[in-house]
Amino acid sequence: MTSPIRRRAVIAAPGVLAGMGLAHAQPAATGPMAAVFARWMAAHGVTSGVVALALEGQLVQLAGFGGADPMARVPVWSLSKFITGLAVARLAGHGRLALESMLGTLPPRRMLHGPLATLRLADLLSHRTGLARRFGGEAVPGLQALLRTARPRELSPEQLVPALLVVRPERPAGVAYEYANTNFLLAGLAVAEVAGQPYADFTAQQVLAPLGIRRPALDSTWGVLGATGGWSLSAPEYLALLLRGERLVPPAVAAWMRDPTGKATTQDGPVFYSLGQLRRQVAGGQNRWHSGSWTYRWPAWEVDVSAGTFAVHAADGAAWFAAYRPHPGDAAVAALDRALWEGRRASSPGTALDWSRFVDPVRS
């Protein structure tokens, strides 16, 4: 995906909004962010979606199109990786692990041996382990075998563990960036090992609930994707996570998280990957973002899903989130990135929506 680009605002005409079927109208549902999102949907054959914007710590725009309820939880796919990064940071803050910890040194209930044992958490969280993006054609190792036995909703992330334990790096760790879901599945396994409880339970209790998210849970259908893509949150909940999440990161981990050294996604940068987010240094700080998508077809269980998500937390404190179906491809997501920056530039704080409808006040 491309980095966020700021350009002159382009606002959809009112007829575009009407044609997209604005659902569940909110007080600020027809603002500039909703307009550019509707325009993007129409241009790329996207039939339903949700978009939300927070400015100055306030939720100021929230809209659903094509029958989508903007207040409902949706699978966030790979945006789950930031949640996993925060879980690792939480354990580091409690002194129970360090980013330099190797998988083979963690509590040995079912610990890893061989090449995986020497992988560091820091390399998992920056996609620099040498693990391939796909294993045997699978973005999530072991999923195809599980789907031969049960529907996705009947599976748990723990059932992927045997397949994870046999993956092997294709190149030395720390040398190059290669985005791989397996990295965060292994990070989730490390969280479970150190916490002594399932990854989802620890993360719900120690990451999401303290950020004010009520009764957090993995997605009821695709929770099997676990630490790499299994969480389900509403648009306002994910914005709260973006705005509040870094307060859970201890100083040493925060310094590593913001440091681009050795984390560039290309040889020359400037984009780097850290703790489950892409980052780029800009005036006033760093822009942070991530996209997520899941396209999977399994006729035996009538599984046919195509969906995506996109979230940005800008250096100036603004944050936005979008979810959509179907997933229109990487080029369209790059266009979405540009469009949402345009919507943000055209937006002002205005009338705020009530956060308490979605998340609890954060306790210090």
Protein backbone atom coordinates (compact mmCIF):
# COMPACT_ATOMS: atom_id res chain seq x y z
CA MET A 1 0.00 0.00 0.00
CA THR A 2 1.06 3.57 -0.48
CA SER A 3 1.81 6.11 2.20
CA PRO A 4 -0.84 8.72 3.07
CA ILE A 5 -0.83 11.64 0.64
CA ARG A 6 -2.35 15.02 1.33
CA ARG A 7 -4.09 16.69 -1.63
CA ARG A 8 -6.83 19.22 -2.33
CA ALA A 9 -10.19 18.05 -1.00
CA VAL A 10 -12.63 16.49 -3.48
CA ILE A 11 -16.16 16.29 -2.11
CA ALA A 12 -18.85 14.07 -3.58
CA ALA A 13 -22.07 15.66 -4.71
CA PRO A 14 -25.16 15.06 -2.52
CA GLY A 15 -26.52 12.70 -5.18
CA VAL A 16 -23.56 10.37 -4.64
CA LEU A 17 -24.45 10.03 -0.97
CA ALA A 18 -28.06 9.33 -1.79
CA GLY A 19 -27.14 6.78 -4.42
CA MET A 20 -24.91 4.86 -2.00
CA GLY A 21 -27.77 4.36 0.44
CA LEU A 22 -26.64 6.17 3.61
CA ALA A 23 -27.64 3.91 6.50
CA HIS A 24 -28.27 4.57 10.19
CA ALA A 25 -27.77 8.34 9.91
CA GLN A 26 -25.86 10.06 12.70
CA PRO A 27 -25.67 13.80 13.50
CA ALA A 28 -22.45 14.19 11.49
CA ALA A 29 -22.98 11.39 8.98
CA THR A 30 -22.87 13.52 5.85
CA GLY A 31 -19.60 15.36 6.43
CA PRO A 32 -16.63 15.54 4.05
CA MET A 33 -15.19 12.16 5.10
CA ALA A 34 -18.47 10.42 4.35
CA ALA A 35 -18.68 12.19 1.00
CA VAL A 36 -15.24 11.18 -0.25
CA PHE A 37 -15.76 7.63 0.99
CA ALA A 38 -19.05 7.36 -0.92
CA ARG A 39 -17.36 8.70 -4.02
CA TRP A 40 -14.58 6.11 -3.68
CA MET A 41 -17.09 3.29 -3.20
CA ALA A 42 -18.96 4.26 -6.34
CA ALA A 43 -15.75 4.45 -8.36
CA HIS A 44 -14.48 1.02 -7.31
CA GLY A 45 -17.57 -1.17 -7.18
CA VAL A 46 -17.71 -1.32 -3.38
CA THR A 47 -21.28 -2.05 -2.29
CA SER A 48 -21.23 -1.49 1.48
CA GLY A 49 -19.01 0.22 3.99
CA VAL A 50 -18.48 2.27 7.12
CA VAL A 51 -16.28 5.30 7.70
CA ALA A 52 -15.49 7.28 10.88
CA LEU A 53 -13.32 10.26 11.78
CA ALA A 54 -12.01 11.57 15.10
CA LEU A 55 -10.58 15.08 15.48
CA GLU A 56 -9.15 16.60 18.64
CA GLY A 57 -10.06 13.44 20.53
CA GLN A 58 -13.73 13.65 19.54
CA LEU A 59 -15.75 11.42 17.23
CA VAL A 60 -17.03 13.88 14.61
CA GLN A 61 -18.15 11.79 11.63
CA LEU A 62 -19.66 8.31 11.44
CA ALA A 63 -21.53 6.88 8.45
CA GLY A 64 -22.62 3.56 6.98
CA PHE A 65 -23.48 2.88 3.34
CA GLY A 66 -25.16 0.08 1.46
CA GLY A 67 -26.99 -1.16 4.55
CA ALA A 68 -23.91 -1.26 6.77
CA ASP A 69 -24.54 -0.27 10.40
CA PRO A 70 -21.74 2.14 11.40
CA MET A 71 -22.16 1.22 15.06
CA ALA A 72 -21.82 -2.55 14.55
CA ARG A 73 -18.65 -4.54 15.04
CA VAL A 74 -16.91 -5.77 11.89
CA PRO A 75 -13.86 -7.98 11.38
CA VAL A 76 -10.83 -5.67 11.24
CA TRP A 77 -8.58 -8.29 9.60
CA SER A 78 -4.90 -7.27 9.69
CA LEU A 79 -5.65 -4.19 11.77
CA SER A 80 -5.61 -6.81 14.53
CA LYS A 81 -1.81 -6.80 14.35
CA PHE A 82 -1.60 -3.52 16.27
CA ILE A 83 -3.68 -5.11 19.02
CA THR A 84 -1.19 -7.98 19.19
CA GLY A 85 1.69 -5.53 19.30
CA LEU A 86 0.07 -3.81 22.27
CA ALA A 87 -0.33 -7.18 24.01
CA VAL A 88 3.41 -7.81 23.67
CA ALA A 89 4.10 -4.27 24.89
CA ARG A 90 1.84 -4.83 27.90
CA LEU A 91 3.79 -7.94 28.91
CA ALA A 92 7.05 -6.06 28.41
CA GLY A 93 5.76 -3.31 30.68
CA HIS A 94 5.11 -5.92 33.35
CA GLY A 95 8.68 -7.20 32.98
CA ARG A 96 7.54 -10.60 31.73
CA LEU A 97 9.36 -10.47 28.39
CA ALA A 98 11.54 -8.16 26.30
CA LEU A 99 11.57 -7.31 22.62
CA GLU A 100 14.98 -8.98 22.40
CA SER A 101 13.53 -12.21 23.83
CA MET A 102 13.89 -15.20 21.52
CA LEU A 103 10.95 -17.55 21.17
CA GLY A 104 13.00 -20.45 22.47
CA THR A 105 13.64 -18.66 25.77
CA LEU A 106 9.97 -18.15 26.66
CA PRO A 107 8.20 -20.40 29.18
CA PRO A 108 8.49 -23.95 27.78
CA ARG A 109 4.99 -25.40 27.89
CA ARG A 110 5.08 -26.22 24.18
CA MET A 111 8.07 -24.17 23.25
CA LEU A 112 9.60 -23.79 19.87
CA HIS A 113 12.78 -25.53 18.82
CA GLY A 114 15.09 -25.39 15.82
CA PRO A 115 15.18 -22.29 13.58
CA LEU A 116 12.08 -20.69 15.12
CA ALA A 117 13.62 -20.75 18.59
CA THR A 118 16.09 -17.98 17.71
CA LEU A 119 13.53 -15.54 16.30
CA ARG A 120 13.23 -12.38 18.37
CA LEU A 121 9.94 -10.72 19.22
CA ALA A 122 11.34 -7.50 17.74
CA ASP A 123 11.74 -9.23 14.38
CA LEU A 124 8.23 -10.71 14.54
CA LEU A 125 6.74 -7.28 15.25
CA SER A 126 8.60 -5.65 12.35
CA HIS A 127 8.21 -8.49 9.80
CA ARG A 128 11.93 -9.18 9.61
CA THR A 129 12.10 -12.85 10.59
CA GLY A 130 12.91 -14.28 7.18
CA LEU A 131 9.58 -16.14 7.17
CA ALA A 132 7.83 -16.16 3.80
CA ARG A 133 4.57 -14.37 3.12
CA ARG A 134 2.95 -17.68 2.13
CA PHE A 135 3.56 -21.34 3.02
CA GLY A 136 2.32 -23.91 0.58
CA GLY A 137 0.09 -21.27 -0.97
CA GLU A 138 -1.42 -20.27 2.37
CA ALA A 139 -1.29 -16.84 3.96
CA VAL A 140 -2.31 -18.50 7.25
CA PRO A 141 -0.52 -21.85 7.66
CA GLY A 142 -2.81 -24.74 8.52
CA LEU A 143 -6.09 -23.00 7.72
CA GLN A 144 -6.93 -25.07 4.65
CA ALA A 145 -6.48 -28.31 6.58
CA LEU A 146 -8.75 -27.05 9.36
CA LEU A 147 -11.43 -25.98 6.89
CA ARG A 148 -11.60 -29.55 5.67
CA THR A 149 -12.88 -30.50 9.12
CA ALA A 150 -15.10 -27.62 10.25
CA ARG A 151 -16.60 -24.26 9.37
CA PRO A 152 -14.55 -21.13 10.26
CA ARG A 153 -16.86 -20.23 13.17
CA GLU A 154 -16.23 -23.66 14.71
CA LEU A 155 -12.45 -23.23 14.78
CA SER A 156 -10.15 -21.54 17.31
CA PRO A 157 -6.73 -19.87 16.87
CA GLU A 158 -5.15 -22.53 19.09
CA GLN A 159 -5.89 -25.13 16.41
CA LEU A 160 -3.37 -23.41 14.13
CA VAL A 161 -0.48 -24.06 16.53
CA PRO A 162 0.68 -27.42 15.06
CA ALA A 163 1.04 -25.82 11.62
CA LEU A 164 2.93 -22.85 13.09
CA LEU A 165 5.49 -25.06 14.80
CA VAL A 166 6.72 -26.52 11.52
CA VAL A 167 7.21 -23.33 9.48
CA ARG A 168 10.81 -22.40 8.76
CA PRO A 169 12.50 -19.12 7.75
CA GLU A 170 13.70 -18.86 4.18
CA ARG A 171 16.43 -16.31 4.93
CA PRO A 172 18.31 -14.98 7.97
CA ALA A 173 16.33 -12.90 10.43
CA GLY A 174 16.81 -9.15 10.57
CA VAL A 175 18.00 -8.79 6.98
CA ALA A 176 14.89 -7.71 5.05
CA TYR A 177 11.22 -6.83 5.47
CA GLU A 178 8.65 -9.35 4.28
CA TYR A 179 5.07 -9.03 5.45
CA ALA A 180 3.88 -12.40 6.76
CA ASN A 181 0.82 -13.25 8.81
CA THR A 182 2.84 -16.01 10.45
CA ASN A 183 4.95 -13.44 12.29
CA PHE A 184 1.99 -12.18 14.29
CA LEU A 185 0.52 -15.64 14.79
CA LEU A 186 3.84 -16.55 16.46
CA ALA A 187 3.74 -13.31 18.47
CA GLY A 188 0.26 -14.29 19.66
CA LEU A 189 1.57 -17.70 20.64
CA ALA A 190 4.34 -15.98 22.62
CA VAL A 191 1.73 -13.85 24.41
CA ALA A 192 -0.22 -16.96 25.37
CA GLU A 193 2.91 -18.76 26.59
CA VAL A 194 4.09 -15.90 28.77
CA ALA A 195 0.64 -14.92 30.06
CA GLY A 196 -0.32 -18.51 30.81
CA GLN A 197 -3.76 -18.06 29.27
CA PRO A 198 -5.22 -17.94 25.75
CA TYR A 199 -4.07 -15.02 23.64
CA ALA A 200 -7.64 -13.74 23.17
CA ASP A 201 -8.38 -13.77 26.90
CA PHE A 202 -5.20 -11.92 27.89
CA THR A 203 -5.56 -9.35 25.12
CA ALA A 204 -9.22 -8.68 25.87
CA GLN A 205 -8.53 -8.24 29.59
CA GLN A 206 -5.19 -6.44 29.50
CA VAL A 207 -5.32 -4.40 26.27
CA LEU A 208 -8.82 -3.73 24.97
CA ALA A 209 -10.85 -3.51 28.18
CA PRO A 210 -8.42 -0.98 29.78
CA LEU A 211 -8.88 1.19 26.68
CA GLY A 212 -12.62 1.34 27.35
CA ILE A 213 -13.78 -1.28 24.86
CA ARG A 214 -16.68 -3.21 26.35
CA ARG A 215 -16.75 -7.01 26.21
CA PRO A 216 -14.09 -7.31 23.49
CA ALA A 217 -13.96 -10.59 21.60
CA LEU A 218 -12.54 -12.22 18.52
CA ASP A 219 -14.85 -12.25 15.53
CA SER A 220 -17.58 -14.88 15.81
CA THR A 221 -16.79 -16.28 12.35
CA TRP A 222 -13.15 -15.48 11.62
CA GLY A 223 -11.70 -15.48 15.13
CA VAL A 224 -9.58 -18.43 13.99
CA LEU A 225 -7.26 -15.81 12.42
CA GLY A 226 -6.40 -14.80 15.96
CA ALA A 227 -3.41 -12.54 16.56
CA THR A 228 -2.87 -11.76 12.89
CA GLY A 229 -6.44 -10.91 11.84
CA GLY A 230 -9.15 -12.22 14.13
CA TRP A 231 -10.52 -9.24 16.08
CA SER A 232 -13.90 -7.62 15.50
CA LEU A 233 -14.50 -3.98 16.53
CA SER A 234 -16.80 -1.15 15.54
CA ALA A 235 -15.41 1.90 13.76
CA PRO A 236 -15.61 4.06 16.93
CA GLU A 237 -13.97 1.30 18.97
CA TYR A 238 -11.04 1.04 16.59
CA LEU A 239 -10.60 4.82 16.64
CA ALA A 240 -10.50 4.66 20.44
CA LEU A 241 -7.85 1.97 20.17
CA LEU A 242 -5.75 4.17 17.87
CA LEU A 243 -6.10 7.25 20.05
CA ARG A 244 -5.55 5.51 23.39
CA GLY A 245 -3.47 2.43 22.63
CA GLU A 246 0.01 3.89 22.91
CA ARG A 247 -0.53 4.76 26.57
CA LEU A 248 -0.17 1.02 27.22
CA VAL A 249 3.31 0.98 25.66
CA PRO A 250 6.16 1.27 28.22
CA PRO A 251 8.89 3.87 27.51
CA ALA A 252 11.55 1.43 26.29
CA VAL A 253 9.15 -0.24 23.87
CA ALA A 254 7.79 3.16 22.77
CA ALA A 255 11.31 4.32 21.90
CA TRP A 256 11.87 1.17 19.81
CA MET A 257 8.43 1.50 18.22
CA ARG A 258 9.14 5.03 16.94
CA ASP A 259 12.70 4.34 15.80
CA PRO A 260 12.92 3.48 12.07
CA THR A 261 16.38 1.96 12.37
CA GLY A 262 16.42 -1.50 10.84
CA LYS A 263 12.68 -1.54 10.14
CA ALA A 264 12.31 0.00 6.66
CA THR A 265 9.89 -1.70 4.31
CA THR A 266 12.11 -0.85 1.32
CA GLN A 267 15.84 -0.39 1.07
CA ASP A 268 15.68 3.40 1.11
CA GLY A 269 12.63 3.95 3.35
CA PRO A 270 11.07 6.20 4.57
CA VAL A 271 8.17 3.91 5.56
CA PHE A 272 8.88 1.40 8.31
CA TYR A 273 6.89 -1.28 10.12
CA SER A 274 6.78 -1.44 13.90
CA LEU A 275 4.53 -3.06 16.55
CA GLY A 276 1.76 -3.80 14.05
CA GLN A 277 1.65 -0.50 12.18
CA LEU A 278 3.29 1.16 9.21
CA ARG A 279 4.94 4.45 10.17
CA ARG A 280 6.45 7.45 8.48
CA GLN A 281 8.20 10.47 9.98
CA VAL A 282 6.48 13.76 9.09
CA ALA A 283 6.50 17.28 10.47
CA GLY A 284 5.28 17.12 14.04
CA GLY A 285 5.69 13.37 14.57
CA GLN A 286 4.75 10.20 12.73
CA ASN A 287 1.79 9.09 10.65
CA ARG A 288 0.72 5.52 11.51
CA TRP A 289 -1.54 3.34 9.40
CA HIS A 290 -2.47 -0.16 8.34
CA SER A 291 -4.76 -1.86 5.87
CA GLY A 292 -6.47 -5.21 6.24
CA SER A 293 -8.27 -7.53 3.88
CA TRP A 294 -9.56 -11.07 3.65
CA THR A 295 -10.62 -12.79 0.46
CA TYR A 296 -11.41 -16.45 0.92
CA ARG A 297 -13.65 -18.92 -0.86
CA TRP A 298 -14.39 -22.41 0.45
CA PRO A 299 -17.42 -23.84 -1.36
CA ALA A 300 -17.83 -26.86 0.92
CA TRP A 301 -18.89 -24.57 3.78
CA GLU A 302 -20.39 -21.87 1.53
CA VAL A 303 -17.60 -19.51 2.58
CA ASP A 304 -17.17 -16.62 0.15
CA VAL A 305 -15.82 -13.48 1.77
CA SER A 306 -14.18 -10.39 0.29
CA ALA A 307 -13.71 -7.45 2.64
CA GLY A 308 -11.21 -4.85 3.75
CA THR A 309 -10.37 -2.26 6.38
CA PHE A 310 -8.14 0.80 6.54
CA ALA A 311 -7.10 2.97 9.49
CA VAL A 312 -4.83 6.00 9.96
CA HIS A 313 -3.61 7.80 13.05
CA ALA A 314 -2.04 11.06 11.85
CA ALA A 315 0.77 12.97 13.51
CA ASP A 316 -1.62 15.82 14.34
CA GLY A 317 -3.80 13.47 16.42
CA ALA A 318 -6.61 12.93 13.90
CA ALA A 319 -7.66 9.34 13.24
CA TRP A 320 -9.96 7.63 10.76
CA PHE A 321 -11.23 4.16 10.00
CA ALA A 322 -12.99 2.54 7.05
CA ALA A 323 -14.41 -0.94 6.46
CA TYR A 324 -15.85 -2.11 3.16
CA ARG A 325 -17.11 -5.02 1.03
CA PRO A 326 -15.97 -6.31 -1.38
CA HIS A 327 -12.22 -5.75 -1.33
CA PRO A 328 -11.48 -4.00 -4.66
CA GLY A 329 -7.70 -4.59 -4.85
CA ASP A 330 -4.51 -2.84 -3.82
CA ALA A 331 -4.71 -0.01 -6.36
CA ALA A 332 -8.19 0.89 -5.12
CA VAL A 333 -6.95 0.85 -1.51
CA ALA A 334 -4.21 3.30 -2.48
CA ALA A 335 -6.93 5.52 -3.94
CA LEU A 336 -8.90 5.15 -0.70
CA ASP A 337 -5.86 6.32 1.24
CA ARG A 338 -5.67 9.48 -0.84
CA ALA A 339 -9.41 10.08 -0.67
CA LEU A 340 -9.58 9.80 3.10
CA TRP A 341 -6.72 12.25 3.51
CA GLU A 342 -8.71 14.61 1.33
CA GLY A 343 -11.74 14.11 3.55
CA ARG A 344 -9.70 14.78 6.66
CA ARG A 345 -8.29 18.01 5.20
CA ALA A 346 -11.81 19.23 4.44
CA SER A 347 -13.15 18.35 7.91
CA SER A 348 -13.31 20.44 11.07
CA PRO A 349 -14.22 19.37 14.62
CA GLY A 350 -17.84 20.55 14.44
CA THR A 351 -20.45 18.74 16.53
CA ALA A 352 -19.04 15.73 18.38
CA LEU A 353 -20.86 12.43 18.73
CA ASP A 354 -21.14 10.82 22.14
CA TRP A 355 -18.16 8.49 22.67
CA SER A 356 -19.86 6.88 25.67
CA ARG A 357 -22.28 5.11 23.32
CA PHE A 358 -19.33 3.05 22.12
CA VAL A 359 -16.48 3.09 24.63
CA ASP A 360 -16.03 3.78 28.33
CA PRO A 361 -14.07 6.76 29.63
CA VAL A 362 -10.45 5.76 30.09
CA ARG A 363 -9.42 5.34 33.69
CA SER A 364 -5.98 6.66 34.58
